[in-house]
Amino acid sequence: MNKQGKLYLIPTPLGENGLHAIPAYVVNLIHKIEYVVAERAKTARHFIKATGTPRPMPSYHVSELNARSPQGGLGEMLQPVFDGKDVGIMSEAGCPGVADPGARLVALAHRKGVEVVPMSGPSSILLALMASGLNGQNFCFHGYLPAKVNDLATALKKLGQAAKRQNQTQLFIEAPYRNRQVVEQALKVLSPETLFCIAVDLTLETEFVLTKKIGEWRKGGTPELHKRPAMFLVGNAP
């Protein structure tokens, strides 16, 4: 009887030229593993190739798991584990299972008694929180805010109120092409004294992280954010 494999949560770079942020032990595992589950197979293969793997790319079996993947297909993705093979999950979001559909496969692994191994790597959520200077003892990640302007404004107001009432840092992300709209609304509806952090291109050469009061952002302007991966934080100093 084959020894059961493990499910490894493999971090990925947060952008082009971000491979330096991936630890060596993660790269070593990538060079050994055969079965990979990824949000996008094309991105996963590009990452694997960029690590300088000595193995031919066709030797990697890559399955796609995204928001549209049926629940019934998860068992097949996990099957190699029961055949004695390790399986790795790669995310489009840096860390698998965090703001990522890979959490569904992790949940199944726990139900099936499969050992889950998280691996260290860049997390835009934690990196932004670390660099923001905002309260890191009490925080909440909201994912994406509503797209419609009126709903977005309402959501931002609620974040500002929660940050003040609970002394809780509020974190959220946006699709890069909508960054400008989010910032415009934040500057419009949040209190002038509210602290607002913009964290862009984390771990990349063009990284930018700055926290200022909303009133200060209004006076000094904001960086160019169009199509740049960004994290936004609303809160108070610790």
Protein backbone atom coordinates (compact mmCIF):
# COMPACT_ATOMS: atom_id res chain seq x y z
CA MET A 1 0.00 0.00 0.00
CA ASN A 2 1.39 3.38 -1.03
CA LYS A 3 2.19 5.94 1.62
CA GLN A 4 -0.30 8.81 1.38
CA GLY A 5 0.97 12.05 -0.12
CA LYS A 6 0.50 15.57 1.22
CA LEU A 7 -1.21 18.73 -0.01
CA TYR A 8 1.29 21.60 -0.21
CA LEU A 9 0.18 25.24 -0.36
CA ILE A 10 2.75 26.81 -2.68
CA PRO A 11 3.11 30.62 -2.66
CA THR A 12 3.63 32.41 -5.97
CA PRO A 13 5.13 35.81 -6.90
CA LEU A 14 2.92 38.89 -6.60
CA GLY A 15 3.91 40.08 -10.06
CA GLU A 16 6.47 39.94 -12.83
CA ASN A 17 10.05 39.94 -11.56
CA GLY A 18 8.90 38.92 -8.09
CA LEU A 19 10.53 35.49 -8.01
CA HIS A 20 13.14 36.67 -5.50
CA ALA A 21 10.41 36.70 -2.82
CA ILE A 22 9.88 32.93 -3.12
CA PRO A 23 11.97 30.96 -0.55
CA ALA A 24 14.46 28.36 -1.76
CA TYR A 25 12.67 25.48 -0.04
CA VAL A 26 9.53 26.30 -2.03
CA VAL A 27 11.49 26.25 -5.29
CA ASN A 28 13.03 22.90 -4.32
CA LEU A 29 9.58 21.41 -3.79
CA ILE A 30 8.36 22.75 -7.13
CA HIS A 31 11.22 20.92 -8.83
CA LYS A 32 10.15 17.63 -7.24
CA ILE A 33 6.36 17.73 -7.30
CA GLU A 34 4.39 16.24 -10.20
CA TYR A 35 0.80 17.28 -9.58
CA VAL A 36 -0.26 20.92 -9.37
CA VAL A 37 -3.66 22.53 -8.92
CA ALA A 38 -3.78 26.16 -10.03
CA GLU A 39 -6.28 28.92 -10.58
CA ARG A 40 -4.81 29.36 -14.08
CA ALA A 41 -2.70 26.63 -15.64
CA LYS A 42 -0.89 29.08 -17.93
CA THR A 43 0.27 31.24 -14.99
CA ALA A 44 1.34 28.19 -13.00
CA ARG A 45 3.41 26.79 -15.86
CA HIS A 46 5.04 30.18 -16.40
CA PHE A 47 5.99 30.30 -12.71
CA ILE A 48 7.32 26.74 -12.69
CA LYS A 49 9.45 27.44 -15.75
CA ALA A 50 10.76 30.68 -14.21
CA THR A 51 12.10 28.74 -11.19
CA GLY A 52 14.56 27.02 -13.51
CA THR A 53 13.15 23.55 -13.05
CA PRO A 54 15.47 20.86 -14.42
CA ARG A 55 12.49 18.72 -15.37
CA PRO A 56 10.66 18.88 -18.72
CA MET A 57 7.45 20.89 -18.46
CA PRO A 58 5.24 18.06 -19.80
CA SER A 59 6.13 16.07 -16.65
CA TYR A 60 3.95 18.46 -14.60
CA HIS A 61 0.27 17.58 -14.40
CA VAL A 62 -1.60 20.87 -13.92
CA SER A 63 -5.33 21.02 -13.13
CA GLU A 64 -7.34 24.25 -12.95
CA LEU A 65 -9.42 25.18 -9.91
CA ASN A 66 -11.22 28.50 -10.09
CA ALA A 67 -14.51 30.03 -8.99
CA ARG A 68 -16.35 28.20 -11.80
CA SER A 69 -14.93 24.74 -11.08
CA PRO A 70 -17.62 22.24 -9.99
CA GLN A 71 -17.35 20.83 -6.49
CA GLY A 72 -17.55 17.34 -7.90
CA GLY A 73 -14.19 17.68 -9.64
CA LEU A 74 -12.20 18.33 -6.49
CA GLY A 75 -11.91 14.67 -5.59
CA GLU A 76 -10.11 13.93 -8.84
CA MET A 77 -7.63 16.76 -8.18
CA LEU A 78 -6.85 15.29 -4.76
CA GLN A 79 -6.70 11.66 -5.93
CA PRO A 80 -2.89 11.56 -6.50
CA VAL A 81 -2.44 12.03 -2.75
CA PHE A 82 -4.11 8.68 -2.12
CA ASP A 83 -1.83 7.12 -4.74
CA GLY A 84 1.21 8.24 -2.74
CA LYS A 85 1.93 11.45 -4.67
CA ASP A 86 2.20 14.97 -3.28
CA VAL A 87 -0.07 17.67 -4.73
CA GLY A 88 0.67 21.40 -4.73
CA ILE A 89 -1.79 24.30 -4.94
CA MET A 90 -0.72 27.53 -6.62
CA SER A 91 -2.74 30.72 -6.42
CA GLU A 92 -3.09 33.81 -8.56
CA ALA A 93 -3.15 35.75 -5.28
CA GLY A 94 0.25 34.87 -3.80
CA CYS A 95 -0.82 32.56 -0.97
CA PRO A 96 -3.20 29.66 -1.73
CA GLY A 97 -6.41 29.56 0.26
CA VAL A 98 -6.36 33.29 1.11
CA ALA A 99 -8.77 35.21 -1.10
CA ASP A 100 -8.38 32.21 -3.39
CA PRO A 101 -10.61 29.34 -4.60
CA GLY A 102 -7.92 26.85 -3.54
CA ALA A 103 -9.50 26.97 -0.07
CA ARG A 104 -12.14 24.54 -1.37
CA LEU A 105 -9.54 21.86 -2.05
CA VAL A 106 -7.88 22.50 1.32
CA ALA A 107 -11.24 22.02 3.03
CA LEU A 108 -11.74 18.71 1.21
CA ALA A 109 -8.25 17.58 2.21
CA HIS A 110 -9.09 18.12 5.87
CA ARG A 111 -12.32 16.16 5.51
CA LYS A 112 -10.40 13.28 3.88
CA GLY A 113 -7.65 13.21 6.49
CA VAL A 114 -4.94 14.53 4.13
CA GLU A 115 -2.03 16.40 5.70
CA VAL A 116 -1.99 20.07 4.61
CA VAL A 117 1.38 21.85 4.54
CA PRO A 118 1.39 25.68 4.24
CA MET A 119 4.60 27.14 2.86
CA SER A 120 6.08 30.58 3.48
CA GLY A 121 5.87 33.20 0.79
CA PRO A 122 4.63 36.70 -0.06
CA SER A 123 1.14 37.66 1.12
CA SER A 124 -0.01 41.06 -0.10
CA ILE A 125 -2.43 41.27 2.83
CA LEU A 126 0.23 40.80 5.52
CA LEU A 127 2.92 42.78 3.70
CA ALA A 128 0.58 45.75 3.33
CA LEU A 129 -0.50 45.53 6.97
CA MET A 130 3.11 45.30 8.13
CA ALA A 131 4.15 48.35 6.14
CA SER A 132 1.07 50.49 6.80
CA GLY A 133 1.76 51.55 10.37
CA LEU A 134 -1.90 50.86 11.15
CA ASN A 135 -3.24 48.65 13.94
CA GLY A 136 -1.96 45.11 13.37
CA GLN A 137 -3.60 43.70 16.50
CA ASN A 138 -7.13 44.01 15.17
CA PHE A 139 -7.85 43.91 11.45
CA CYS A 140 -10.37 42.63 8.90
CA PHE A 141 -9.90 41.73 5.23
CA HIS A 142 -12.92 42.36 3.00
CA GLY A 143 -11.74 41.18 -0.41
CA TYR A 144 -13.40 43.21 -3.17
CA LEU A 145 -15.81 46.05 -2.47
CA PRO A 146 -18.96 46.60 -4.60
CA ALA A 147 -18.37 47.80 -8.16
CA LYS A 148 -21.28 50.24 -8.45
CA VAL A 149 -20.31 53.75 -7.36
CA ASN A 150 -23.13 54.29 -4.86
CA ASP A 151 -22.62 50.87 -3.28
CA LEU A 152 -18.86 51.43 -3.21
CA ALA A 153 -19.30 54.76 -1.43
CA THR A 154 -21.58 53.14 1.16
CA ALA A 155 -19.12 50.31 1.75
CA LEU A 156 -16.21 52.73 2.21
CA LYS A 157 -18.19 54.79 4.72
CA LYS A 158 -18.89 51.62 6.71
CA LEU A 159 -15.19 50.71 6.69
CA GLY A 160 -14.30 54.16 7.98
CA GLN A 161 -16.88 53.86 10.74
CA ALA A 162 -15.71 50.37 11.73
CA ALA A 163 -12.08 51.50 11.79
CA LYS A 164 -12.93 54.32 14.19
CA ARG A 165 -15.50 52.50 16.34
CA GLN A 166 -13.57 49.25 16.77
CA ASN A 167 -10.02 50.55 16.25
CA GLN A 168 -9.84 47.86 13.58
CA THR A 169 -7.77 48.16 10.41
CA GLN A 170 -9.88 47.52 7.31
CA LEU A 171 -8.15 45.96 4.30
CA PHE A 172 -9.48 45.44 0.78
CA ILE A 173 -8.31 44.90 -2.78
CA GLU A 174 -9.58 45.85 -6.20
CA ALA A 175 -9.12 44.76 -9.79
CA PRO A 176 -6.13 46.81 -11.00
CA TYR A 177 -8.13 48.57 -13.72
CA ARG A 178 -10.56 49.92 -11.08
CA ASN A 179 -8.00 51.25 -8.59
CA ARG A 180 -8.52 54.85 -9.62
CA GLN A 181 -12.27 54.74 -9.03
CA VAL A 182 -11.81 53.22 -5.57
CA VAL A 183 -9.30 55.86 -4.49
CA GLU A 184 -11.46 58.68 -5.84
CA GLN A 185 -14.41 57.47 -3.78
CA ALA A 186 -12.27 56.93 -0.68
CA LEU A 187 -10.98 60.51 -0.86
CA LYS A 188 -14.53 61.72 -1.37
CA VAL A 189 -16.42 59.91 1.41
CA LEU A 190 -13.92 59.16 4.20
CA SER A 191 -13.25 61.58 7.03
CA PRO A 192 -10.26 63.94 6.55
CA GLU A 193 -8.66 62.53 9.74
CA THR A 194 -8.99 58.88 8.69
CA LEU A 195 -5.71 57.17 7.85
CA PHE A 196 -5.61 55.63 4.38
CA CYS A 197 -2.79 53.41 3.12
CA ILE A 198 -2.06 52.66 -0.52
CA ALA A 199 0.26 49.67 -1.05
CA VAL A 200 1.18 48.97 -4.68
CA ASP A 201 3.41 46.45 -6.48
CA LEU A 202 4.47 44.75 -3.25
CA THR A 203 7.83 42.91 -3.50
CA LEU A 204 8.44 44.41 -6.97
CA GLU A 205 10.99 47.04 -8.01
CA THR A 206 8.16 49.58 -8.39
CA GLU A 207 6.81 48.96 -4.87
CA PHE A 208 5.06 51.93 -3.26
CA VAL A 209 3.57 52.01 0.26
CA LEU A 210 2.39 55.19 1.95
CA THR A 211 -0.08 55.97 4.73
CA LYS A 212 -1.51 59.45 5.15
CA LYS A 213 -4.67 61.08 6.41
CA ILE A 214 -7.42 61.43 3.83
CA GLY A 215 -7.10 65.20 4.09
CA GLU A 216 -3.40 64.96 3.24
CA TRP A 217 -4.06 62.68 0.25
CA ARG A 218 -6.59 65.22 -1.05
CA LYS A 219 -4.00 67.99 -0.93
CA GLY A 220 -0.99 66.08 -2.24
CA GLY A 221 -2.52 63.76 -4.81
CA THR A 222 -2.10 60.02 -5.25
CA PRO A 223 0.31 57.86 -7.30
CA GLU A 224 -0.60 56.43 -10.69
CA LEU A 225 -2.40 53.19 -9.90
CA HIS A 226 -3.96 52.11 -13.18
CA LYS A 227 -3.45 48.38 -13.78
CA ARG A 228 -1.08 48.02 -10.82
CA PRO A 229 -1.88 45.37 -8.14
CA ALA A 230 -2.77 47.24 -4.97
CA MET A 231 -3.95 46.81 -1.40
CA PHE A 232 -5.90 49.52 0.41
CA LEU A 233 -6.15 49.97 4.18
CA VAL A 234 -8.33 52.20 6.31
CA GLY A 235 -7.63 52.63 10.00
CA ASN A 236 -5.90 54.31 12.89
CA ALA A 237 -2.38 54.36 14.26
CA PRO A 238 -1.77 51.64 16.91
